[in-house]
Amino acid sequence: MSKINPIVQFLILLIISLCLAFVLHITVLDSKGLPQYDNLIVLSYTVNCILAAAIFVVLYIFKAKLKNQIGFLFMGGSFLKFVFFFILFYPAYKADGEMSRLEFAAFFIPYGISLIIETVFTAKMLKKLY
């Protein structure tokens, strides 16, 4: 039996984790009588998933060639996520003059989950390089 490619492992774990978190997130919102699909929640989970996948795939592809710069590339990926946050989400979240806890959670729950998964897989990848 062949070993599963790390990119495939990453994508499977990322997608399953974010889907489960999304279902739990909207279930909690519904149980509290709050709007489930407000605060750009679907876009947030989608964008965080796509960006995390793209960042990890790029890191994996260039791991041997740029192994001494992987950490900087990883931080650059996090910076890229914040750029997307400030372009896509921040204007809508601050339209009323403040960012609510629900708006904060809609973006930072999927951001945090994807960041943890990215970090674990990048650390594993680096461990194998050295």
C-alpha atoms as a PDB file:
ATOM      1  CA  MET A   1       0.000   0.000   0.000  1.00  0.00           C
ATOM      2  CA  SER A   2       1.422   3.347  -0.986  1.00  0.00           C
ATOM      3  CA  LYS A   3       1.732   6.244   1.402  1.00  0.00           C
ATOM      4  CA  ILE A   4      -0.724   9.108   0.904  1.00  0.00           C
ATOM      5  CA  ASN A   5       0.817  12.265  -0.521  1.00  0.00           C
ATOM      6  CA  PRO A   6       1.242  14.975   2.175  1.00  0.00           C
ATOM      7  CA  ILE A   7      -0.623  17.495   0.022  1.00  0.00           C
ATOM      8  CA  VAL A   8      -3.604  15.139  -0.232  1.00  0.00           C
ATOM      9  CA  GLN A   9      -3.447  14.469   3.532  1.00  0.00           C
ATOM     10  CA  PHE A  10      -3.360  18.199   4.197  1.00  0.00           C
ATOM     11  CA  LEU A  11      -6.277  18.949   1.890  1.00  0.00           C
ATOM     12  CA  ILE A  12      -8.418  16.156   3.319  1.00  0.00           C
ATOM     13  CA  LEU A  13      -7.796  17.230   6.916  1.00  0.00           C
ATOM     14  CA  LEU A  14      -8.269  20.923   6.089  1.00  0.00           C
ATOM     15  CA  ILE A  15     -11.543  20.422   4.232  1.00  0.00           C
ATOM     16  CA  ILE A  16     -13.008  18.004   6.784  1.00  0.00           C
ATOM     17  CA  SER A  17     -11.968  20.212   9.719  1.00  0.00           C
ATOM     18  CA  LEU A  18     -13.365  23.384   8.190  1.00  0.00           C
ATOM     19  CA  CYS A  19     -16.601  21.652   7.136  1.00  0.00           C
ATOM     20  CA  LEU A  20     -17.116  20.274  10.642  1.00  0.00           C
ATOM     21  CA  ALA A  21     -16.306  23.647  12.182  1.00  0.00           C
ATOM     22  CA  PHE A  22     -18.693  25.364   9.780  1.00  0.00           C
ATOM     23  CA  VAL A  23     -21.547  23.001  10.637  1.00  0.00           C
ATOM     24  CA  LEU A  24     -20.857  23.419  14.354  1.00  0.00           C
ATOM     25  CA  HIS A  25     -20.569  27.199  13.957  1.00  0.00           C
ATOM     26  CA  ILE A  26     -23.909  27.622  12.184  1.00  0.00           C
ATOM     27  CA  THR A  27     -25.554  25.125  14.560  1.00  0.00           C
ATOM     28  CA  VAL A  28     -24.454  27.188  17.564  1.00  0.00           C
ATOM     29  CA  LEU A  29     -25.655  30.375  15.869  1.00  0.00           C
ATOM     30  CA  ASP A  30     -29.021  28.765  15.147  1.00  0.00           C
ATOM     31  CA  SER A  31     -29.379  27.444  18.699  1.00  0.00           C
ATOM     32  CA  LYS A  32     -28.870  30.964  20.013  1.00  0.00           C
ATOM     33  CA  GLY A  33     -31.427  32.389  17.608  1.00  0.00           C
ATOM     34  CA  LEU A  34     -28.796  34.293  15.614  1.00  0.00           C
ATOM     35  CA  PRO A  35     -28.647  34.508  11.830  1.00  0.00           C
ATOM     36  CA  GLN A  36     -26.669  31.534  10.544  1.00  0.00           C
ATOM     37  CA  TYR A  37     -25.348  32.867   7.260  1.00  0.00           C
ATOM     38  CA  ASP A  38     -24.694  36.472   8.214  1.00  0.00           C
ATOM     39  CA  ASN A  39     -21.306  38.219   8.559  1.00  0.00           C
ATOM     40  CA  LEU A  40     -19.913  36.730   5.331  1.00  0.00           C
ATOM     41  CA  ILE A  41     -19.465  33.399   7.106  1.00  0.00           C
ATOM     42  CA  VAL A  42     -19.588  31.234   3.965  1.00  0.00           C
ATOM     43  CA  LEU A  43     -17.106  33.481   2.159  1.00  0.00           C
ATOM     44  CA  SER A  44     -14.854  33.449   5.204  1.00  0.00           C
ATOM     45  CA  TYR A  45     -14.668  29.659   5.454  1.00  0.00           C
ATOM     46  CA  THR A  46     -14.193  29.391   1.695  1.00  0.00           C
ATOM     47  CA  VAL A  47     -11.469  32.033   1.432  1.00  0.00           C
ATOM     48  CA  ASN A  48      -9.573  30.664   4.436  1.00  0.00           C
ATOM     49  CA  CYS A  49      -9.709  27.141   2.995  1.00  0.00           C
ATOM     50  CA  ILE A  50      -8.509  28.226  -0.448  1.00  0.00           C
ATOM     51  CA  LEU A  51      -5.717  30.409   0.927  1.00  0.00           C
ATOM     52  CA  ALA A  52      -4.503  27.753   3.379  1.00  0.00           C
ATOM     53  CA  ALA A  53      -4.479  25.144   0.613  1.00  0.00           C
ATOM     54  CA  ALA A  54      -2.652  27.434  -1.815  1.00  0.00           C
ATOM     55  CA  ILE A  55      -0.063  28.469   0.756  1.00  0.00           C
ATOM     56  CA  PHE A  56       0.711  24.899   1.821  1.00  0.00           C
ATOM     57  CA  VAL A  57       0.902  23.633  -1.761  1.00  0.00           C
ATOM     58  CA  VAL A  58       3.343  26.427  -2.673  1.00  0.00           C
ATOM     59  CA  LEU A  59       5.452  25.691   0.413  1.00  0.00           C
ATOM     60  CA  TYR A  60       5.456  21.984  -0.409  1.00  0.00           C
ATOM     61  CA  ILE A  61       6.408  22.513  -4.051  1.00  0.00           C
ATOM     62  CA  PHE A  62       9.327  24.771  -3.157  1.00  0.00           C
ATOM     63  CA  LYS A  63      10.398  22.946   0.019  1.00  0.00           C
ATOM     64  CA  ALA A  64      13.677  21.583  -1.334  1.00  0.00           C
ATOM     65  CA  LYS A  65      14.669  24.618  -3.373  1.00  0.00           C
ATOM     66  CA  LEU A  66      13.869  27.178  -0.664  1.00  0.00           C
ATOM     67  CA  LYS A  67      14.179  25.131   2.532  1.00  0.00           C
ATOM     68  CA  ASN A  68      16.001  27.932   4.373  1.00  0.00           C
ATOM     69  CA  GLN A  69      13.238  30.415   3.527  1.00  0.00           C
ATOM     70  CA  ILE A  70      10.178  28.253   4.288  1.00  0.00           C
ATOM     71  CA  GLY A  71       9.557  30.068   7.567  1.00  0.00           C
ATOM     72  CA  PHE A  72       9.566  33.430   5.837  1.00  0.00           C
ATOM     73  CA  LEU A  73       7.293  32.122   3.094  1.00  0.00           C
ATOM     74  CA  PHE A  74       4.941  30.750   5.763  1.00  0.00           C
ATOM     75  CA  MET A  75       4.805  34.154   7.475  1.00  0.00           C
ATOM     76  CA  GLY A  76       4.254  35.768   4.076  1.00  0.00           C
ATOM     77  CA  GLY A  77       1.266  33.452   3.623  1.00  0.00           C
ATOM     78  CA  SER A  78      -0.170  34.630   6.936  1.00  0.00           C
ATOM     79  CA  PHE A  79       0.357  38.210   5.822  1.00  0.00           C
ATOM     80  CA  LEU A  80      -1.491  37.395   2.591  1.00  0.00           C
ATOM     81  CA  LYS A  81      -4.446  36.117   4.619  1.00  0.00           C
ATOM     82  CA  PHE A  82      -4.585  39.385   6.538  1.00  0.00           C
ATOM     83  CA  VAL A  83      -4.473  41.331   3.273  1.00  0.00           C
ATOM     84  CA  PHE A  84      -7.509  39.360   2.114  1.00  0.00           C
ATOM     85  CA  PHE A  85      -9.184  40.048   5.456  1.00  0.00           C
ATOM     86  CA  PHE A  86      -8.678  43.792   5.144  1.00  0.00           C
ATOM     87  CA  ILE A  87      -9.795  43.861   1.505  1.00  0.00           C
ATOM     88  CA  LEU A  88     -12.769  41.466   1.599  1.00  0.00           C
ATOM     89  CA  PHE A  89     -14.086  41.440   5.153  1.00  0.00           C
ATOM     90  CA  TYR A  90     -12.986  44.452   7.165  1.00  0.00           C
ATOM     91  CA  PRO A  91     -14.983  47.059   5.196  1.00  0.00           C
ATOM     92  CA  ALA A  92     -18.205  45.067   5.660  1.00  0.00           C
ATOM     93  CA  TYR A  93     -17.462  44.349   9.308  1.00  0.00           C
ATOM     94  CA  LYS A  94     -16.684  47.987  10.105  1.00  0.00           C
ATOM     95  CA  ALA A  95     -19.556  49.431   8.038  1.00  0.00           C
ATOM     96  CA  ASP A  96     -21.562  50.070  11.205  1.00  0.00           C
ATOM     97  CA  GLY A  97     -18.562  51.557  13.016  1.00  0.00           C
ATOM     98  CA  GLU A  98     -17.635  48.515  15.089  1.00  0.00           C
ATOM     99  CA  MET A  99     -16.724  44.865  14.685  1.00  0.00           C
ATOM    100  CA  SER A 100     -19.044  42.592  16.650  1.00  0.00           C
ATOM    101  CA  ARG A 101     -18.027  39.344  18.289  1.00  0.00           C
ATOM    102  CA  LEU A 102     -20.061  37.471  15.668  1.00  0.00           C
ATOM    103  CA  GLU A 103     -18.183  39.176  12.833  1.00  0.00           C
ATOM    104  CA  PHE A 104     -14.861  38.470  14.544  1.00  0.00           C
ATOM    105  CA  ALA A 105     -15.766  34.798  15.017  1.00  0.00           C
ATOM    106  CA  ALA A 106     -16.987  34.441  11.421  1.00  0.00           C
ATOM    107  CA  PHE A 107     -13.497  35.207  10.144  1.00  0.00           C
ATOM    108  CA  PHE A 108     -11.123  34.114  12.883  1.00  0.00           C
ATOM    109  CA  ILE A 109     -12.563  30.671  13.645  1.00  0.00           C
ATOM    110  CA  PRO A 110     -11.764  29.348  10.146  1.00  0.00           C
ATOM    111  CA  TYR A 111      -8.544  31.393  10.120  1.00  0.00           C
ATOM    112  CA  GLY A 112      -7.397  29.798  13.372  1.00  0.00           C
ATOM    113  CA  ILE A 113      -8.298  26.272  12.318  1.00  0.00           C
ATOM    114  CA  SER A 114      -6.541  26.585   8.985  1.00  0.00           C
ATOM    115  CA  LEU A 115      -3.503  28.204  10.630  1.00  0.00           C
ATOM    116  CA  ILE A 116      -3.148  25.342  13.118  1.00  0.00           C
ATOM    117  CA  ILE A 117      -3.370  22.724  10.365  1.00  0.00           C
ATOM    118  CA  GLU A 118      -0.936  24.655   8.159  1.00  0.00           C
ATOM    119  CA  THR A 119       1.523  24.998  11.029  1.00  0.00           C
ATOM    120  CA  VAL A 120       1.435  21.302  11.935  1.00  0.00           C
ATOM    121  CA  PHE A 121       1.898  20.160   8.341  1.00  0.00           C
ATOM    122  CA  THR A 122       4.614  22.718   7.621  1.00  0.00           C
ATOM    123  CA  ALA A 123       6.486  21.657  10.768  1.00  0.00           C
ATOM    124  CA  LYS A 124       6.264  17.997   9.680  1.00  0.00           C
ATOM    125  CA  MET A 125       7.503  18.940   6.245  1.00  0.00           C
ATOM    126  CA  LEU A 126      10.466  20.873   7.680  1.00  0.00           C
ATOM    127  CA  LYS A 127      11.292  18.045  10.071  1.00  0.00           C
ATOM    128  CA  LYS A 128      11.681  15.699   7.105  1.00  0.00           C
ATOM    129  CA  LEU A 129      13.969  18.166   5.321  1.00  0.00           C
ATOM    130  CA  TYR A 130      16.528  18.300   8.118  1.00  0.00           C
END
